[in-house]
Amino acid sequence: MFTLQWTKEADEQFRALKERAEKSARANKSKKKCSKSKDAGLFKQVNKTLNQLRENPRHPGLQTHPYYSLPHPYKKGDKVFEAYAQHETPGACRVFWCYGPKEREITIVAITPHP
């Protein structure tokens, strides 16, 4: 298992996703709807992706591969990776991450729609 670390940007993005999901859940509850909102679904998918990264960054469902347009936050020239939180969705959400700063740690660099 890996421990997750967060850049400030990624932490803010994750918190914003969570807040939108919780706000949607409260709104649906007050309207007595049983269906999940788009925000709740996205948060669930991102959270699942983060759990899979913790357990196995090479999990086939993540479709992890190097992403060269983001700089590594600790070691210039080291790889940043992209993992899929959504598939075949317009503007599909991706989680960008790297190994480090310590052994058995993964840093979440960003959580954004596919560029």
PDB file of N, CA and C in Angstrom:
ATOM      1  N   MET A   1       0.839  -1.188   0.000  1.00  0.00           N
ATOM      2  CA  MET A   1       0.000   0.000   0.000  1.00  0.00           C
ATOM      3  C   MET A   1       0.882   1.248   0.000  1.00  0.00           C
ATOM      4  N   PHE A   2       0.363   2.259  -0.644  1.00  0.00           N
ATOM      5  CA  PHE A   2       1.032   3.544  -0.702  1.00  0.00           C
ATOM      6  C   PHE A   2       0.272   4.547   0.164  1.00  0.00           C
ATOM      7  N   THR A   3       0.973   5.552   0.614  1.00  0.00           N
ATOM      8  CA  THR A   3       0.359   6.664   1.326  1.00  0.00           C
ATOM      9  C   THR A   3       0.195   7.797   0.326  1.00  0.00           C
ATOM     10  N   LEU A   4      -0.957   8.456   0.365  1.00  0.00           N
ATOM     11  CA  LEU A   4      -1.182   9.571  -0.556  1.00  0.00           C
ATOM     12  C   LEU A   4      -0.765  10.888   0.072  1.00  0.00           C
ATOM     13  N   GLN A   5      -0.053  11.671  -0.708  1.00  0.00           N
ATOM     14  CA  GLN A   5       0.288  13.045  -0.378  1.00  0.00           C
ATOM     15  C   GLN A   5      -0.414  13.922  -1.411  1.00  0.00           C
ATOM     16  N   TRP A   6      -0.537  15.182  -1.134  1.00  0.00           N
ATOM     17  CA  TRP A   6      -1.284  16.072  -2.024  1.00  0.00           C
ATOM     18  C   TRP A   6      -0.522  17.368  -2.269  1.00  0.00           C
ATOM     19  N   THR A   7      -0.545  17.828  -3.522  1.00  0.00           N
ATOM     20  CA  THR A   7      -0.099  19.197  -3.764  1.00  0.00           C
ATOM     21  C   THR A   7      -1.246  20.096  -3.305  1.00  0.00           C
ATOM     22  N   LYS A   8      -0.966  21.346  -3.092  1.00  0.00           N
ATOM     23  CA  LYS A   8      -2.003  22.282  -2.657  1.00  0.00           C
ATOM     24  C   LYS A   8      -3.137  22.332  -3.690  1.00  0.00           C
ATOM     25  N   GLU A   9      -2.769  22.377  -4.959  1.00  0.00           N
ATOM     26  CA  GLU A   9      -3.758  22.434  -6.040  1.00  0.00           C
ATOM     27  C   GLU A   9      -4.666  21.205  -6.038  1.00  0.00           C
ATOM     28  N   ALA A  10      -4.076  20.021  -5.924  1.00  0.00           N
ATOM     29  CA  ALA A  10      -4.860  18.779  -5.936  1.00  0.00           C
ATOM     30  C   ALA A  10      -5.776  18.699  -4.721  1.00  0.00           C
ATOM     31  N   ASP A  11      -5.274  19.120  -3.570  1.00  0.00           N
ATOM     32  CA  ASP A  11      -6.090  19.109  -2.359  1.00  0.00           C
ATOM     33  C   ASP A  11      -7.312  20.018  -2.529  1.00  0.00           C
ATOM     34  N   GLU A  12      -7.095  21.198  -3.082  1.00  0.00           N
ATOM     35  CA  GLU A  12      -8.209  22.133  -3.323  1.00  0.00           C
ATOM     36  C   GLU A  12      -9.208  21.541  -4.325  1.00  0.00           C
ATOM     37  N   GLN A  13      -8.711  20.894  -5.364  1.00  0.00           N
ATOM     38  CA  GLN A  13      -9.592  20.294  -6.375  1.00  0.00           C
ATOM     39  C   GLN A  13     -10.420  19.167  -5.770  1.00  0.00           C
ATOM     40  N   PHE A  14      -9.791  18.333  -4.944  1.00  0.00           N
ATOM     41  CA  PHE A  14     -10.500  17.226  -4.313  1.00  0.00           C
ATOM     42  C   PHE A  14     -11.564  17.749  -3.350  1.00  0.00           C
ATOM     43  N   ARG A  15     -11.211  18.741  -2.557  1.00  0.00           N
ATOM     44  CA  ARG A  15     -12.179  19.314  -1.609  1.00  0.00           C
ATOM     45  C   ARG A  15     -13.359  19.947  -2.339  1.00  0.00           C
ATOM     46  N   ALA A  16     -13.097  20.615  -3.452  1.00  0.00           N
ATOM     47  CA  ALA A  16     -14.173  21.229  -4.235  1.00  0.00           C
ATOM     48  C   ALA A  16     -15.109  20.157  -4.801  1.00  0.00           C
ATOM     49  N   LEU A  17     -14.542  19.058  -5.299  1.00  0.00           N
ATOM     50  CA  LEU A  17     -15.357  17.937  -5.792  1.00  0.00           C
ATOM     51  C   LEU A  17     -16.235  17.388  -4.675  1.00  0.00           C
ATOM     52  N   LYS A  18     -15.639  17.200  -3.517  1.00  0.00           N
ATOM     53  CA  LYS A  18     -16.363  16.652  -2.373  1.00  0.00           C
ATOM     54  C   LYS A  18     -17.489  17.590  -1.934  1.00  0.00           C
ATOM     55  N   GLU A  19     -17.196  18.879  -1.868  1.00  0.00           N
ATOM     56  CA  GLU A  19     -18.220  19.864  -1.476  1.00  0.00           C
ATOM     57  C   GLU A  19     -19.389  19.877  -2.453  1.00  0.00           C
ATOM     58  N   ARG A  20     -19.094  19.843  -3.754  1.00  0.00           N
ATOM     59  CA  ARG A  20     -20.172  19.824  -4.749  1.00  0.00           C
ATOM     60  C   ARG A  20     -21.015  18.561  -4.622  1.00  0.00           C
ATOM     61  N   ALA A  21     -20.362  17.425  -4.371  1.00  0.00           N
ATOM     62  CA  ALA A  21     -21.089  16.159  -4.216  1.00  0.00           C
ATOM     63  C   ALA A  21     -21.985  16.204  -2.980  1.00  0.00           C
ATOM     64  N   GLU A  22     -21.456  16.731  -1.876  1.00  0.00           N
ATOM     65  CA  GLU A  22     -22.251  16.817  -0.647  1.00  0.00           C
ATOM     66  C   GLU A  22     -23.407  17.801  -0.805  1.00  0.00           C
ATOM     67  N   LYS A  23     -23.159  18.917  -1.481  1.00  0.00           N
ATOM     68  CA  LYS A  23     -24.216  19.905  -1.714  1.00  0.00           C
ATOM     69  C   LYS A  23     -25.323  19.302  -2.575  1.00  0.00           C
ATOM     70  N   SER A  24     -24.946  18.573  -3.606  1.00  0.00           N
ATOM     71  CA  SER A  24     -25.931  17.917  -4.465  1.00  0.00           C
ATOM     72  C   SER A  24     -26.726  16.872  -3.691  1.00  0.00           C
ATOM     73  N   ALA A  25     -26.045  16.143  -2.821  1.00  0.00           N
ATOM     74  CA  ALA A  25     -26.721  15.114  -2.021  1.00  0.00           C
ATOM     75  C   ALA A  25     -27.745  15.754  -1.083  1.00  0.00           C
ATOM     76  N   ARG A  26     -27.371  16.879  -0.467  1.00  0.00           N
ATOM     77  CA  ARG A  26     -28.319  17.577   0.419  1.00  0.00           C
ATOM     78  C   ARG A  26     -29.511  18.097  -0.371  1.00  0.00           C
ATOM     79  N   ALA A  27     -29.250  18.643  -1.565  1.00  0.00           N
ATOM     80  CA  ALA A  27     -30.335  19.162  -2.404  1.00  0.00           C
ATOM     81  C   ALA A  27     -31.260  18.032  -2.833  1.00  0.00           C
ATOM     82  N   ASN A  28     -30.702  16.900  -3.209  1.00  0.00           N
ATOM     83  CA  ASN A  28     -31.524  15.755  -3.612  1.00  0.00           C
ATOM     84  C   ASN A  28     -32.325  15.212  -2.436  1.00  0.00           C
ATOM     85  N   LYS A  29     -31.715  15.232  -1.254  1.00  0.00           N
ATOM     86  CA  LYS A  29     -32.401  14.732  -0.069  1.00  0.00           C
ATOM     87  C   LYS A  29     -33.604  15.613   0.264  1.00  0.00           C
ATOM     88  N   SER A  30     -33.420  16.926   0.129  1.00  0.00           N
ATOM     89  CA  SER A  30     -34.523  17.834   0.429  1.00  0.00           C
ATOM     90  C   SER A  30     -35.641  17.715  -0.603  1.00  0.00           C
ATOM     91  N   LYS A  31     -35.302  17.296  -1.812  1.00  0.00           N
ATOM     92  CA  LYS A  31     -36.309  17.102  -2.866  1.00  0.00           C
ATOM     93  C   LYS A  31     -36.834  15.668  -2.870  1.00  0.00           C
ATOM     94  N   LYS A  32     -36.289  14.853  -1.948  1.00  0.00           N
ATOM     95  CA  LYS A  32     -36.675  13.446  -1.813  1.00  0.00           C
ATOM     96  C   LYS A  32     -36.422  12.656  -3.097  1.00  0.00           C
ATOM     97  N   LYS A  33     -35.327  12.998  -3.767  1.00  0.00           N
ATOM     98  CA  LYS A  33     -34.919  12.237  -4.950  1.00  0.00           C
ATOM     99  C   LYS A  33     -33.982  11.128  -4.516  1.00  0.00           C
ATOM    100  N   CYS A  34     -34.073  10.035  -5.186  1.00  0.00           N
ATOM    101  CA  CYS A  34     -33.194   8.895  -4.880  1.00  0.00           C
ATOM    102  C   CYS A  34     -31.999   8.831  -5.826  1.00  0.00           C
ATOM    103  N   SER A  35     -32.070   9.543  -6.934  1.00  0.00           N
ATOM    104  CA  SER A  35     -31.000   9.439  -7.921  1.00  0.00           C
ATOM    105  C   SER A  35     -29.772  10.227  -7.475  1.00  0.00           C
ATOM    106  N   LYS A  36     -28.622   9.731  -7.906  1.00  0.00           N
ATOM    107  CA  LYS A  36     -27.370  10.415  -7.600  1.00  0.00           C
ATOM    108  C   LYS A  36     -27.153  11.537  -8.594  1.00  0.00           C
ATOM    109  N   SER A  37     -26.533  12.590  -8.116  1.00  0.00           N
ATOM    110  CA  SER A  37     -26.222  13.707  -8.997  1.00  0.00           C
ATOM    111  C   SER A  37     -24.950  13.401  -9.781  1.00  0.00           C
ATOM    112  N   LYS A  38     -24.731  14.192 -10.799  1.00  0.00           N
ATOM    113  CA  LYS A  38     -23.509  14.072 -11.602  1.00  0.00           C
ATOM    114  C   LYS A  38     -22.282  14.315 -10.719  1.00  0.00           C
ATOM    115  N   ASP A  39     -22.374  15.308  -9.833  1.00  0.00           N
ATOM    116  CA  ASP A  39     -21.255  15.619  -8.938  1.00  0.00           C
ATOM    117  C   ASP A  39     -20.957  14.468  -7.982  1.00  0.00           C
ATOM    118  N   ALA A  40     -22.006  13.842  -7.456  1.00  0.00           N
ATOM    119  CA  ALA A  40     -21.817  12.719  -6.541  1.00  0.00           C
ATOM    120  C   ALA A  40     -21.169  11.551  -7.281  1.00  0.00           C
ATOM    121  N   GLY A  41     -21.608  11.306  -8.504  1.00  0.00           N
ATOM    122  CA  GLY A  41     -21.030  10.229  -9.299  1.00  0.00           C
ATOM    123  C   GLY A  41     -19.564  10.471  -9.608  1.00  0.00           C
ATOM    124  N   LEU A  42     -19.232  11.711  -9.962  1.00  0.00           N
ATOM    125  CA  LEU A  42     -17.841  12.055 -10.261  1.00  0.00           C
ATOM    126  C   LEU A  42     -16.969  11.882  -9.017  1.00  0.00           C
ATOM    127  N   PHE A  43     -17.453  12.352  -7.877  1.00  0.00           N
ATOM    128  CA  PHE A  43     -16.678  12.219  -6.647  1.00  0.00           C
ATOM    129  C   PHE A  43     -16.440  10.742  -6.323  1.00  0.00           C
ATOM    130  N   LYS A  44     -17.463   9.927  -6.501  1.00  0.00           N
ATOM    131  CA  LYS A  44     -17.335   8.497  -6.238  1.00  0.00           C
ATOM    132  C   LYS A  44     -16.279   7.872  -7.147  1.00  0.00           C
ATOM    133  N   GLN A  45     -16.273   8.266  -8.429  1.00  0.00           N
ATOM    134  CA  GLN A  45     -15.294   7.732  -9.380  1.00  0.00           C
ATOM    135  C   GLN A  45     -13.875   8.167  -9.027  1.00  0.00           C
ATOM    136  N   VAL A  46     -13.712   9.434  -8.655  1.00  0.00           N
ATOM    137  CA  VAL A  46     -12.385   9.937  -8.285  1.00  0.00           C
ATOM    138  C   VAL A  46     -11.903   9.238  -7.017  1.00  0.00           C
ATOM    139  N   ASN A  47     -12.788   9.079  -6.056  1.00  0.00           N
ATOM    140  CA  ASN A  47     -12.421   8.421  -4.806  1.00  0.00           C
ATOM    141  C   ASN A  47     -12.005   6.967  -5.065  1.00  0.00           C
ATOM    142  N   LYS A  48     -12.710   6.286  -5.948  1.00  0.00           N
ATOM    143  CA  LYS A  48     -12.354   4.911  -6.307  1.00  0.00           C
ATOM    144  C   LYS A  48     -10.968   4.873  -6.949  1.00  0.00           C
ATOM    145  N   THR A  49     -10.702   5.826  -7.832  1.00  0.00           N
ATOM    146  CA  THR A  49      -9.397   5.912  -8.484  1.00  0.00           C
ATOM    147  C   THR A  49      -8.289   6.107  -7.456  1.00  0.00           C
ATOM    148  N   LEU A  50      -8.507   6.981  -6.488  1.00  0.00           N
ATOM    149  CA  LEU A  50      -7.500   7.232  -5.446  1.00  0.00           C
ATOM    150  C   LEU A  50      -7.259   5.978  -4.604  1.00  0.00           C
ATOM    151  N   ASN A  51      -8.322   5.254  -4.304  1.00  0.00           N
ATOM    152  CA  ASN A  51      -8.159   4.012  -3.539  1.00  0.00           C
ATOM    153  C   ASN A  51      -7.382   2.971  -4.340  1.00  0.00           C
ATOM    154  N   GLN A  52      -7.649   2.879  -5.632  1.00  0.00           N
ATOM    155  CA  GLN A  52      -6.900   1.941  -6.469  1.00  0.00           C
ATOM    156  C   GLN A  52      -5.431   2.358  -6.562  1.00  0.00           C
ATOM    157  N   LEU A  53      -5.173   3.648  -6.646  1.00  0.00           N
ATOM    158  CA  LEU A  53      -3.779   4.122  -6.672  1.00  0.00           C
ATOM    159  C   LEU A  53      -3.058   3.736  -5.389  1.00  0.00           C
ATOM    160  N   ARG A  54      -3.736   3.890  -4.263  1.00  0.00           N
ATOM    161  CA  ARG A  54      -3.164   3.525  -2.968  1.00  0.00           C
ATOM    162  C   ARG A  54      -2.755   2.042  -2.956  1.00  0.00           C
ATOM    163  N   GLU A  55      -3.642   1.216  -3.486  1.00  0.00           N
ATOM    164  CA  GLU A  55      -3.409  -0.229  -3.445  1.00  0.00           C
ATOM    165  C   GLU A  55      -2.435  -0.710  -4.510  1.00  0.00           C
ATOM    166  N   ASN A  56      -2.590  -0.191  -5.733  1.00  0.00           N
ATOM    167  CA  ASN A  56      -1.765  -0.672  -6.842  1.00  0.00           C
ATOM    168  C   ASN A  56      -1.775   0.363  -7.971  1.00  0.00           C
ATOM    169  N   PRO A  57      -0.769   1.213  -8.057  1.00  0.00           N
ATOM    170  CA  PRO A  57      -0.744   2.246  -9.102  1.00  0.00           C
ATOM    171  C   PRO A  57      -0.733   1.676 -10.521  1.00  0.00           C
ATOM    172  N   ARG A  58      -0.469   0.385 -10.653  1.00  0.00           N
ATOM    173  CA  ARG A  58      -0.465  -0.248 -11.975  1.00  0.00           C
ATOM    174  C   ARG A  58      -1.752  -1.034 -12.242  1.00  0.00           C
ATOM    175  N   HIS A  59      -2.765  -0.768 -11.455  1.00  0.00           N
ATOM    176  CA  HIS A  59      -4.055  -1.449 -11.639  1.00  0.00           C
ATOM    177  C   HIS A  59      -4.517  -1.221 -13.076  1.00  0.00           C
ATOM    178  N   PRO A  60      -4.890  -2.289 -13.798  1.00  0.00           N
ATOM    179  CA  PRO A  60      -5.252  -2.137 -15.217  1.00  0.00           C
ATOM    180  C   PRO A  60      -6.405  -1.163 -15.473  1.00  0.00           C
ATOM    181  N   GLY A  61      -7.345  -1.072 -14.550  1.00  0.00           N
ATOM    182  CA  GLY A  61      -8.483  -0.182 -14.743  1.00  0.00           C
ATOM    183  C   GLY A  61      -8.107   1.292 -14.731  1.00  0.00           C
ATOM    184  N   LEU A  62      -6.960   1.630 -14.156  1.00  0.00           N
ATOM    185  CA  LEU A  62      -6.526   3.018 -14.103  1.00  0.00           C
ATOM    186  C   LEU A  62      -5.954   3.504 -15.433  1.00  0.00           C
ATOM    187  N   GLN A  63      -5.527   2.565 -16.252  1.00  0.00           N
ATOM    188  CA  GLN A  63      -4.877   2.886 -17.525  1.00  0.00           C
ATOM    189  C   GLN A  63      -3.778   3.937 -17.332  1.00  0.00           C
ATOM    190  N   THR A  64      -2.980   3.721 -16.322  1.00  0.00           N
ATOM    191  CA  THR A  64      -1.908   4.658 -15.972  1.00  0.00           C
ATOM    192  C   THR A  64      -0.860   4.732 -17.067  1.00  0.00           C
ATOM    193  N   HIS A  65      -0.456   5.949 -17.387  1.00  0.00           N
ATOM    194  CA  HIS A  65       0.624   6.159 -18.351  1.00  0.00           C
ATOM    195  C   HIS A  65       1.294   7.504 -18.073  1.00  0.00           C
ATOM    196  N   PRO A  66       2.538   7.663 -18.506  1.00  0.00           N
ATOM    197  CA  PRO A  66       3.244   8.926 -18.271  1.00  0.00           C
ATOM    198  C   PRO A  66       2.533  10.086 -18.951  1.00  0.00           C
ATOM    199  N   TYR A  67       2.625  11.237 -18.311  1.00  0.00           N
ATOM    200  CA  TYR A  67       2.047  12.466 -18.853  1.00  0.00           C
ATOM    201  C   TYR A  67       3.167  13.506 -18.808  1.00  0.00           C
ATOM    202  N   TYR A  68       3.506  14.050 -19.951  1.00  0.00           N
ATOM    203  CA  TYR A  68       4.717  14.863 -20.040  1.00  0.00           C
ATOM    204  C   TYR A  68       4.501  16.367 -19.914  1.00  0.00           C
ATOM    205  N   SER A  69       3.272  16.821 -19.807  1.00  0.00           N
ATOM    206  CA  SER A  69       3.023  18.267 -19.782  1.00  0.00           C
ATOM    207  C   SER A  69       2.994  18.875 -18.383  1.00  0.00           C
ATOM    208  N   LEU A  70       3.104  18.051 -17.349  1.00  0.00           N
ATOM    209  CA  LEU A  70       3.148  18.565 -15.980  1.00  0.00           C
ATOM    210  C   LEU A  70       4.514  18.290 -15.385  1.00  0.00           C
ATOM    211  N   PRO A  71       5.091  19.269 -14.696  1.00  0.00           N
ATOM    212  CA  PRO A  71       6.401  19.029 -14.074  1.00  0.00           C
ATOM    213  C   PRO A  71       6.255  18.209 -12.789  1.00  0.00           C
ATOM    214  N   HIS A  72       7.251  17.391 -12.524  1.00  0.00           N
ATOM    215  CA  HIS A  72       7.299  16.635 -11.273  1.00  0.00           C
ATOM    216  C   HIS A  72       7.518  17.636 -10.138  1.00  0.00           C
ATOM    217  N   PRO A  73       6.737  17.556  -9.050  1.00  0.00           N
ATOM    218  CA  PRO A  73       6.865  18.566  -7.988  1.00  0.00           C
ATOM    219  C   PRO A  73       8.122  18.443  -7.133  1.00  0.00           C
ATOM    220  N   TYR A  74       8.833  17.300  -7.189  1.00  0.00           N
ATOM    221  CA  TYR A  74       9.990  17.108  -6.323  1.00  0.00           C
ATOM    222  C   TYR A  74      11.296  16.940  -7.072  1.00  0.00           C
ATOM    223  N   LYS A  75      11.263  16.196  -8.194  1.00  0.00           N
ATOM    224  CA  LYS A  75      12.485  15.876  -8.910  1.00  0.00           C
ATOM    225  C   LYS A  75      12.326  16.233 -10.375  1.00  0.00           C
ATOM    226  N   LYS A  76      13.014  17.279 -10.776  1.00  0.00           N
ATOM    227  CA  LYS A  76      12.942  17.699 -12.174  1.00  0.00           C
ATOM    228  C   LYS A  76      13.362  16.540 -13.073  1.00  0.00           C
ATOM    229  N   GLY A  77      12.540  16.285 -14.071  1.00  0.00           N
ATOM    230  CA  GLY A  77      12.844  15.222 -15.019  1.00  0.00           C
ATOM    231  C   GLY A  77      12.195  13.889 -14.696  1.00  0.00           C
ATOM    232  N   ASP A  78      11.711  13.691 -13.457  1.00  0.00           N
ATOM    233  CA  ASP A  78      11.010  12.452 -13.132  1.00  0.00           C
ATOM    234  C   ASP A  78       9.614  12.475 -13.740  1.00  0.00           C
ATOM    235  N   LYS A  79       9.015  11.311 -13.841  1.00  0.00           N
ATOM    236  CA  LYS A  79       7.731  11.183 -14.522  1.00  0.00           C
ATOM    237  C   LYS A  79       6.544  11.559 -13.634  1.00  0.00           C
ATOM    238  N   VAL A  80       5.572  12.193 -14.275  1.00  0.00           N
ATOM    239  CA  VAL A  80       4.238  12.383 -13.714  1.00  0.00           C
ATOM    240  C   VAL A  80       3.341  11.460 -14.533  1.00  0.00           C
ATOM    241  N   PHE A  81       2.386  10.833 -13.856  1.00  0.00           N
ATOM    242  CA  PHE A  81       1.507   9.874 -14.511  1.00  0.00           C
ATOM    243  C   PHE A  81       0.072  10.376 -14.529  1.00  0.00           C
ATOM    244  N   GLU A  82      -0.674   9.850 -15.483  1.00  0.00           N
ATOM    245  CA  GLU A  82      -2.092  10.149 -15.622  1.00  0.00           C
ATOM    246  C   GLU A  82      -2.854   8.848 -15.378  1.00  0.00           C
ATOM    247  N   ALA A  83      -3.891   8.912 -14.543  1.00  0.00           N
ATOM    248  CA  ALA A  83      -4.762   7.759 -14.308  1.00  0.00           C
ATOM    249  C   ALA A  83      -6.187   8.179 -14.635  1.00  0.00           C
ATOM    250  N   TYR A  84      -6.934   7.263 -15.200  1.00  0.00           N
ATOM    251  CA  TYR A  84      -8.307   7.551 -15.598  1.00  0.00           C
ATOM    252  C   TYR A  84      -9.256   7.389 -14.409  1.00  0.00           C
ATOM    253  N   ALA A  85     -10.054   8.420 -14.144  1.00  0.00           N
ATOM    254  CA  ALA A  85     -11.143   8.297 -13.182  1.00  0.00           C
ATOM    255  C   ALA A  85     -12.440   8.033 -13.944  1.00  0.00           C
ATOM    256  N   GLN A  86     -12.484   8.484 -15.196  1.00  0.00           N
ATOM    257  CA  GLN A  86     -13.633   8.261 -16.067  1.00  0.00           C
ATOM    258  C   GLN A  86     -13.123   7.834 -17.437  1.00  0.00           C
ATOM    259  N   HIS A  87     -13.971   7.084 -18.143  1.00  0.00           N
ATOM    260  CA  HIS A  87     -13.634   6.612 -19.482  1.00  0.00           C
ATOM    261  C   HIS A  87     -14.737   7.019 -20.442  1.00  0.00           C
ATOM    262  N   GLU A  88     -14.361   7.322 -21.646  1.00  0.00           N
ATOM    263  CA  GLU A  88     -15.317   7.588 -22.720  1.00  0.00           C
ATOM    264  C   GLU A  88     -16.424   8.565 -22.313  1.00  0.00           C
ATOM    265  N   THR A  89     -16.026   9.616 -21.626  1.00  0.00           N
ATOM    266  CA  THR A  89     -16.940  10.663 -21.198  1.00  0.00           C
ATOM    267  C   THR A  89     -16.366  11.983 -21.700  1.00  0.00           C
ATOM    268  N   PRO A  90     -17.178  12.850 -22.302  1.00  0.00           N
ATOM    269  CA  PRO A  90     -16.637  14.150 -22.722  1.00  0.00           C
ATOM    270  C   PRO A  90     -16.039  14.886 -21.519  1.00  0.00           C
ATOM    271  N   GLY A  91     -14.813  15.339 -21.658  1.00  0.00           N
ATOM    272  CA  GLY A  91     -14.135  16.034 -20.560  1.00  0.00           C
ATOM    273  C   GLY A  91     -13.859  15.107 -19.391  1.00  0.00           C
ATOM    274  N   ALA A  92     -13.594  13.829 -19.674  1.00  0.00           N
ATOM    275  CA  ALA A  92     -13.400  12.813 -18.638  1.00  0.00           C
ATOM    276  C   ALA A  92     -12.362  13.256 -17.610  1.00  0.00           C
ATOM    277  N   CYS A  93     -12.632  12.949 -16.358  1.00  0.00           N
ATOM    278  CA  CYS A  93     -11.771  13.355 -15.256  1.00  0.00           C
ATOM    279  C   CYS A  93     -10.535  12.464 -15.191  1.00  0.00           C
ATOM    280  N   ARG A  94      -9.399  13.098 -14.939  1.00  0.00           N
ATOM    281  CA  ARG A  94      -8.120  12.392 -14.811  1.00  0.00           C
ATOM    282  C   ARG A  94      -7.457  12.779 -13.489  1.00  0.00           C
ATOM    283  N   VAL A  95      -6.684  11.854 -12.955  1.00  0.00           N
ATOM    284  CA  VAL A  95      -5.897  12.109 -11.754  1.00  0.00           C
ATOM    285  C   VAL A  95      -4.432  12.047 -12.164  1.00  0.00           C
ATOM    286  N   PHE A  96      -3.727  13.124 -11.931  1.00  0.00           N
ATOM    287  CA  PHE A  96      -2.307  13.200 -12.264  1.00  0.00           C
ATOM    288  C   PHE A  96      -1.527  13.001 -10.970  1.00  0.00           C
ATOM    289  N   TRP A  97      -0.505  12.147 -11.022  1.00  0.00           N
ATOM    290  CA  TRP A  97       0.201  11.778  -9.812  1.00  0.00           C
ATOM    291  C   TRP A  97       1.656  11.431 -10.114  1.00  0.00           C
ATOM    292  N   CYS A  98       2.445  11.326  -9.052  1.00  0.00           N
ATOM    293  CA  CYS A  98       3.846  10.923  -9.191  1.00  0.00           C
ATOM    294  C   CYS A  98       4.259  10.164  -7.937  1.00  0.00           C
ATOM    295  N   TYR A  99       5.360   9.458  -8.043  1.00  0.00           N
ATOM    296  CA  TYR A  99       5.910   8.776  -6.883  1.00  0.00           C
ATOM    297  C   TYR A  99       6.671   9.784  -6.039  1.00  0.00           C
ATOM    298  N   GLY A 100       6.603   9.625  -4.711  1.00  0.00           N
ATOM    299  CA  GLY A 100       7.393  10.460  -3.819  1.00  0.00           C
ATOM    300  C   GLY A 100       6.542  11.383  -2.981  1.00  0.00           C
ATOM    301  N   PRO A 101       7.136  12.159  -2.138  1.00  0.00           N
ATOM    302  CA  PRO A 101       8.570  12.409  -2.022  1.00  0.00           C
ATOM    303  C   PRO A 101       9.349  11.278  -1.345  1.00  0.00           C
ATOM    304  N   LYS A 102       8.662  10.444  -0.557  1.00  0.00           N
ATOM    305  CA  LYS A 102       9.356   9.338   0.112  1.00  0.00           C
ATOM    306  C   LYS A 102       8.955   8.023  -0.542  1.00  0.00           C
ATOM    307  N   GLU A 103       9.668   6.981  -0.174  1.00  0.00           N
ATOM    308  CA  GLU A 103       9.335   5.659  -0.676  1.00  0.00           C
ATOM    309  C   GLU A 103       7.961   5.244  -0.165  1.00  0.00           C
ATOM    310  N   ARG A 104       7.211   4.549  -1.008  1.00  0.00           N
ATOM    311  CA  ARG A 104       5.847   4.085  -0.711  1.00  0.00           C
ATOM    312  C   ARG A 104       4.862   5.244  -0.546  1.00  0.00           C
ATOM    313  N   GLU A 105       5.187   6.387  -1.150  1.00  0.00           N
ATOM    314  CA  GLU A 105       4.272   7.525  -1.175  1.00  0.00           C
ATOM    315  C   GLU A 105       3.952   7.884  -2.619  1.00  0.00           C
ATOM    316  N   ILE A 106       2.723   8.320  -2.827  1.00  0.00           N
ATOM    317  CA  ILE A 106       2.281   8.840  -4.110  1.00  0.00           C
ATOM    318  C   ILE A 106       1.748  10.234  -3.848  1.00  0.00           C
ATOM    319  N   THR A 107       2.164  11.181  -4.674  1.00  0.00           N
ATOM    320  CA  THR A 107       1.658  12.543  -4.565  1.00  0.00           C
ATOM    321  C   THR A 107       0.630  12.783  -5.653  1.00  0.00           C
ATOM    322  N   ILE A 108      -0.537  13.217  -5.260  1.00  0.00           N
ATOM    323  CA  ILE A 108      -1.573  13.595  -6.199  1.00  0.00           C
ATOM    324  C   ILE A 108      -1.256  15.030  -6.634  1.00  0.00           C
ATOM    325  N   VAL A 109      -0.985  15.194  -7.915  1.00  0.00           N
ATOM    326  CA  VAL A 109      -0.561  16.494  -8.462  1.00  0.00           C
ATOM    327  C   VAL A 109      -1.767  17.332  -8.875  1.00  0.00           C
ATOM    328  N   ALA A 110      -2.759  16.696  -9.516  1.00  0.00           N
ATOM    329  CA  ALA A 110      -3.948  17.424  -9.964  1.00  0.00           C
ATOM    330  C   ALA A 110      -5.081  16.448 -10.252  1.00  0.00           C
ATOM    331  N   ILE A 111      -6.312  16.958 -10.137  1.00  0.00           N
ATOM    332  CA  ILE A 111      -7.514  16.208 -10.501  1.00  0.00           C
ATOM    333  C   ILE A 111      -8.302  17.130 -11.420  1.00  0.00           C
ATOM    334  N   THR A 112      -8.296  16.810 -12.705  1.00  0.00           N
ATOM    335  CA  THR A 112      -8.880  17.721 -13.663  1.00  0.00           C
ATOM    336  C   THR A 112      -9.558  16.980 -14.815  1.00  0.00           C
ATOM    337  N   PRO A 113     -10.402  17.697 -15.575  1.00  0.00           N
ATOM    338  CA  PRO A 113     -10.920  17.104 -16.809  1.00  0.00           C
ATOM    339  C   PRO A 113      -9.760  16.859 -17.767  1.00  0.00           C
ATOM    340  N   HIS A 114      -9.909  15.880 -18.629  1.00  0.00           N
ATOM    341  CA  HIS A 114      -8.853  15.557 -19.580  1.00  0.00           C
ATOM    342  C   HIS A 114      -8.530  16.785 -20.417  1.00  0.00           C
ATOM    343  N   PRO A 115      -7.246  17.124 -20.464  1.00  0.00           N
ATOM    344  CA  PRO A 115      -6.857  18.317 -21.237  1.00  0.00           C
ATOM    345  C   PRO A 115      -7.000  18.122 -22.735  1.00  0.00           C
TER     346      PRO A 115
END
